[in-house]
C-alpha atoms as a PDB file:
ATOM      1  CA  MET A   1      23.709  29.561 -30.596  1.00  0.00           C
ATOM      2  CA  ASP A   2      23.517  25.712 -30.863  1.00  0.00           C
ATOM      3  CA  ARG A   3      20.286  25.933 -28.567  1.00  0.00           C
ATOM      4  CA  GLU A   4      18.300  28.495 -31.346  1.00  0.00           C
ATOM      5  CA  ARG A   5      19.522  25.676 -34.475  1.00  0.00           C
ATOM      6  CA  ASN A   6      18.178  22.344 -32.237  1.00  0.00           C
ATOM      7  CA  ALA A   7      14.682  24.238 -31.407  1.00  0.00           C
ATOM      8  CA  ARG A   8      14.677  25.214 -34.954  1.00  0.00           C
ATOM      9  CA  GLN A   9      15.142  21.558 -36.305  1.00  0.00           C
ATOM     10  CA  ARG A  10      12.096  19.777 -33.113  1.00  0.00           C
ATOM     11  CA  LEU A  11       9.599  22.895 -34.324  1.00  0.00           C
ATOM     12  CA  PRO A  12       8.388  21.041 -37.938  1.00  0.00           C
ATOM     13  CA  SER A  13       8.757  17.322 -36.245  1.00  0.00           C
ATOM     14  CA  VAL A  14       5.982  19.092 -33.391  1.00  0.00           C
ATOM     15  CA  SER A  15       4.507  20.152 -36.422  1.00  0.00           C
ATOM     16  CA  ARG A  16       3.922  16.804 -38.642  1.00  0.00           C
ATOM     17  CA  ILE A  17       3.456  15.486 -34.482  1.00  0.00           C
ATOM     18  CA  LEU A  18       0.264  17.997 -34.657  1.00  0.00           C
ATOM     19  CA  ASP A  19      -0.188  17.122 -38.285  1.00  0.00           C
ATOM     20  CA  PHE A  20      -1.285  13.612 -37.792  1.00  0.00           C
ATOM     21  CA  ALA A  21      -2.708  14.077 -34.918  1.00  0.00           C
ATOM     22  CA  LYS A  22      -5.284  16.510 -37.131  1.00  0.00           C
ATOM     23  CA  SER A  23      -5.527  14.047 -39.641  1.00  0.00           C
ATOM     24  CA  ASN A  24      -7.669  11.178 -40.122  1.00  0.00           C
ATOM     25  CA  GLY A  25     -10.090  11.640 -37.275  1.00  0.00           C
ATOM     26  CA  GLY A  26      -7.032  13.261 -34.849  1.00  0.00           C
ATOM     27  CA  ALA A  27     -10.051  15.393 -32.736  1.00  0.00           C
ATOM     28  CA  VAL A  28     -11.339  11.511 -32.137  1.00  0.00           C
ATOM     29  CA  LYS A  29      -7.463  10.372 -31.140  1.00  0.00           C
ATOM     30  CA  ILE A  30      -6.863  14.704 -29.539  1.00  0.00           C
ATOM     31  CA  GLY A  31      -9.956  13.391 -27.014  1.00  0.00           C
ATOM     32  CA  LEU A  32      -9.322  10.197 -26.301  1.00  0.00           C
ATOM     33  CA  PHE A  33      -5.543  10.951 -24.708  1.00  0.00           C
ATOM     34  CA  LEU A  34      -6.494  13.606 -23.064  1.00  0.00           C
ATOM     35  CA  PHE A  35      -9.506  11.465 -21.393  1.00  0.00           C
ATOM     36  CA  LEU A  36      -6.870   8.675 -20.645  1.00  0.00           C
ATOM     37  CA  GLY A  37      -4.477  10.838 -19.550  1.00  0.00           C
ATOM     38  CA  VAL A  38      -7.108  12.695 -17.264  1.00  0.00           C
ATOM     39  CA  THR A  39      -8.725   9.488 -15.504  1.00  0.00           C
ATOM     40  CA  LEU A  40      -4.971   8.284 -14.684  1.00  0.00           C
ATOM     41  CA  ILE A  41      -4.902  10.728 -13.178  1.00  0.00           C
ATOM     42  CA  LEU A  42      -7.650  10.780 -11.027  1.00  0.00           C
ATOM     43  CA  PHE A  43      -7.235   7.553 -10.589  1.00  0.00           C
ATOM     44  CA  GLY A  44      -4.146   7.759  -8.998  1.00  0.00           C
ATOM     45  CA  ALA A  45      -5.043  11.195  -6.547  1.00  0.00           C
ATOM     46  CA  LEU A  46      -7.751   8.296  -5.713  1.00  0.00           C
ATOM     47  CA  GLY A  47      -5.542   5.778  -3.972  1.00  0.00           C
ATOM     48  CA  GLY A  48      -6.681   3.583  -6.583  1.00  0.00           C
ATOM     49  CA  ARG A  49      -2.636   2.415  -7.171  1.00  0.00           C
ATOM     50  CA  GLY A  50      -1.885   3.265  -3.471  1.00  0.00           C
ATOM     51  CA  GLU A  51      -5.192   0.821  -1.792  1.00  0.00           C
ATOM     52  CA  SER A  52      -3.390  -2.108  -3.204  1.00  0.00           C
ATOM     53  CA  SER A  53      -0.288  -1.390  -2.290  1.00  0.00           C
ATOM     54  CA  GLN A  54      -0.856  -0.662   1.231  1.00  0.00           C
ATOM     55  CA  SER A  55      -2.753  -4.093   1.304  1.00  0.00           C
ATOM     56  CA  ASP A  56       0.142  -6.389  -0.193  1.00  0.00           C
ATOM     57  CA  THR A  57       2.182  -3.851   2.702  1.00  0.00           C
ATOM     58  CA  ALA A  58      -0.024  -4.815   4.828  1.00  0.00           C
ATOM     59  CA  LEU A  59       0.544  -8.465   4.330  1.00  0.00           C
ATOM     60  CA  GLY A  60       3.864  -8.540   4.076  1.00  0.00           C
ATOM     61  CA  GLU A  61       3.802  -7.004   7.603  1.00  0.00           C
ATOM     62  CA  GLU A  62       0.971  -9.573   8.684  1.00  0.00           C
ATOM     63  CA  GLU A  63       4.265 -12.374   7.548  1.00  0.00           C
ATOM     64  CA  THR A  64       6.923 -10.819   9.042  1.00  0.00           C
ATOM     65  CA  LEU A  65       5.272 -10.346  12.113  1.00  0.00           C
ATOM     66  CA  GLU A  66       4.087 -14.357  12.042  1.00  0.00           C
ATOM     67  CA  ARG A  67       7.797 -14.943  11.986  1.00  0.00           C
ATOM     68  CA  ILE A  68       8.379 -12.884  14.631  1.00  0.00           C
ATOM     69  CA  CYS A  69       5.626 -14.187  17.068  1.00  0.00           C
ATOM     70  CA  SER A  70       6.697 -18.145  16.229  1.00  0.00           C
ATOM     71  CA  SER A  71      10.453 -16.714  17.569  1.00  0.00           C
ATOM     72  CA  VAL A  72       8.373 -16.017  21.078  1.00  0.00           C
ATOM     73  CA  VAL A  73       9.735 -19.006  23.339  1.00  0.00           C
ATOM     74  CA  GLY A  74       6.296 -20.912  23.629  1.00  0.00           C
ATOM     75  CA  VAL A  75       4.722 -19.830  20.349  1.00  0.00           C
ATOM     76  CA  GLY A  76       3.854 -22.931  17.841  1.00  0.00           C
ATOM     77  CA  GLU A  77       2.350 -22.493  14.332  1.00  0.00           C
ATOM     78  CA  CYS A  78       1.368 -19.085  14.157  1.00  0.00           C
ATOM     79  CA  ARG A  79      -1.092 -16.505  12.596  1.00  0.00           C
ATOM     80  CA  VAL A  80      -1.401 -12.487  12.467  1.00  0.00           C
ATOM     81  CA  ILE A  81      -4.683 -10.012  11.606  1.00  0.00           C
ATOM     82  CA  ILE A  82      -3.205  -7.064  11.976  1.00  0.00           C
ATOM     83  CA  GLY A  83      -5.938  -4.253  12.028  1.00  0.00           C
ATOM     84  CA  TYR A  84      -6.107  -0.817  10.348  1.00  0.00           C
ATOM     85  CA  THR A  85      -7.477   3.142  10.933  1.00  0.00           C
ATOM     86  CA  PRO A  86      -8.513   4.531   7.820  1.00  0.00           C
ATOM     87  CA  ALA A  87      -6.331   6.808   6.290  1.00  0.00           C
ATOM     88  CA  THR A  88      -7.983  10.723   5.613  1.00  0.00           C
ATOM     89  CA  ARG A  89      -6.113  12.830   3.510  1.00  0.00           C
ATOM     90  CA  THR A  90      -4.420  14.752   6.476  1.00  0.00           C
ATOM     91  CA  ALA A  91      -3.665  11.066   8.318  1.00  0.00           C
ATOM     92  CA  GLU A  92      -1.866   8.022   7.387  1.00  0.00           C
ATOM     93  CA  ARG A  93      -2.894   4.951   8.968  1.00  0.00           C
ATOM     94  CA  ARG A  94      -2.076   3.023  12.123  1.00  0.00           C
ATOM     95  CA  VAL A  95      -2.274   0.683  13.186  1.00  0.00           C
ATOM     96  CA  GLU A  96      -5.207  -0.559  15.741  1.00  0.00           C
ATOM     97  CA  SER A  97      -5.113  -4.269  16.677  1.00  0.00           C
ATOM     98  CA  VAL A  98      -3.670  -6.728  16.607  1.00  0.00           C
ATOM     99  CA  CYS A  99      -4.731 -10.489  16.466  1.00  0.00           C
ATOM    100  CA  VAL A 100      -2.146 -13.529  17.009  1.00  0.00           C
ATOM    101  CA  VAL A 101      -3.867 -16.892  16.792  1.00  0.00           C
ATOM    102  CA  CYS A 102      -1.174 -19.561  17.451  1.00  0.00           C
ATOM    103  CA  ARG A 103       0.459 -22.668  18.933  1.00  0.00           C
ATOM    104  CA  GLY A 104       0.919 -22.268  22.687  1.00  0.00           C
ATOM    105  CA  ALA A 105      -1.671 -19.911  23.331  1.00  0.00           C
ATOM    106  CA  SER A 106      -3.058 -21.847  26.082  1.00  0.00           C
ATOM    107  CA  SER A 107      -0.093 -20.462  28.434  1.00  0.00           C
ATOM    108  CA  ALA A 108      -0.569 -17.576  30.489  1.00  0.00           C
ATOM    109  CA  LYS A 109       2.853 -16.795  29.968  1.00  0.00           C
ATOM    110  CA  VAL A 110       3.125 -17.346  25.997  1.00  0.00           C
ATOM    111  CA  ARG A 111       0.056 -14.581  25.962  1.00  0.00           C
ATOM    112  CA  GLU A 112       2.026 -12.321  28.239  1.00  0.00           C
ATOM    113  CA  ARG A 113       4.703 -12.631  25.991  1.00  0.00           C
ATOM    114  CA  LEU A 114       3.012 -11.895  23.005  1.00  0.00           C
ATOM    115  CA  THR A 115       0.956  -9.045  24.139  1.00  0.00           C
ATOM    116  CA  GLU A 116       4.046  -7.271  25.696  1.00  0.00           C
ATOM    117  CA  LEU A 117       5.464  -7.858  22.387  1.00  0.00           C
ATOM    118  CA  LEU A 118       3.009  -5.910  20.485  1.00  0.00           C
ATOM    119  CA  SER A 119       1.960  -3.878  22.852  1.00  0.00           C
ATOM    120  CA  SER A 120       5.931  -1.901  22.406  1.00  0.00           C
ATOM    121  CA  LEU A 121       5.680  -2.357  18.914  1.00  0.00           C
ATOM    122  CA  TYR A 122       2.886  -0.868  18.122  1.00  0.00           C
ATOM    123  CA  GLY A 123       2.006   1.418  21.050  1.00  0.00           C
ATOM    124  CA  ILE A 124      -1.573  -0.132  21.535  1.00  0.00           C
ATOM    125  CA  GLY A 125      -3.338  -0.968  24.600  1.00  0.00           C
ATOM    126  CA  SER A 126      -3.398  -4.687  25.506  1.00  0.00           C
ATOM    127  CA  ASN A 127      -7.057  -4.284  24.995  1.00  0.00           C
ATOM    128  CA  ARG A 128      -6.644  -4.196  21.311  1.00  0.00           C
ATOM    129  CA  ILE A 129      -4.748  -7.213  21.510  1.00  0.00           C
ATOM    130  CA  CYS A 130      -6.085 -10.193  21.245  1.00  0.00           C
ATOM    131  CA  ILE A 131      -4.313 -14.045  21.955  1.00  0.00           C
ATOM    132  CA  ALA A 132      -5.634 -17.358  20.578  1.00  0.00           C
ATOM    133  CA  GLN A 133      -5.198 -20.828  21.123  1.00  0.00           C
ATOM    134  CA  MET A 134      -5.021 -22.729  17.444  1.00  0.00           C
ATOM    135  CA  GLY A 135      -6.986 -25.315  17.312  1.00  0.00           C
END
């Protein structure tokens, strides 16, 4: 009983909103809102928002990896770039390659430690990992 009364009380407010939308160029307002709604939906579906968040995630992952690599014995200052496969509708992007430029990379032992770390962390072969000496 209360639901029916609440529904009846809401109807006048809905009709007032529609009357307002119809008055003073209401058709233009409704069209504009529909256009904006569809645009926002398509923007989200096409990855407009997702791409920037993936980029932000990649930067955060690279910074984290820089800290991890810097903590390896023999490694000093470090910079990291991670290469990803493109995301598709059926598969998410994944790490394809990693490049590390760091102090201490002139040591074969340091390069070996970093390669082993990155290979096991991302499941990629050593041919997909580049370790270079920072100048």
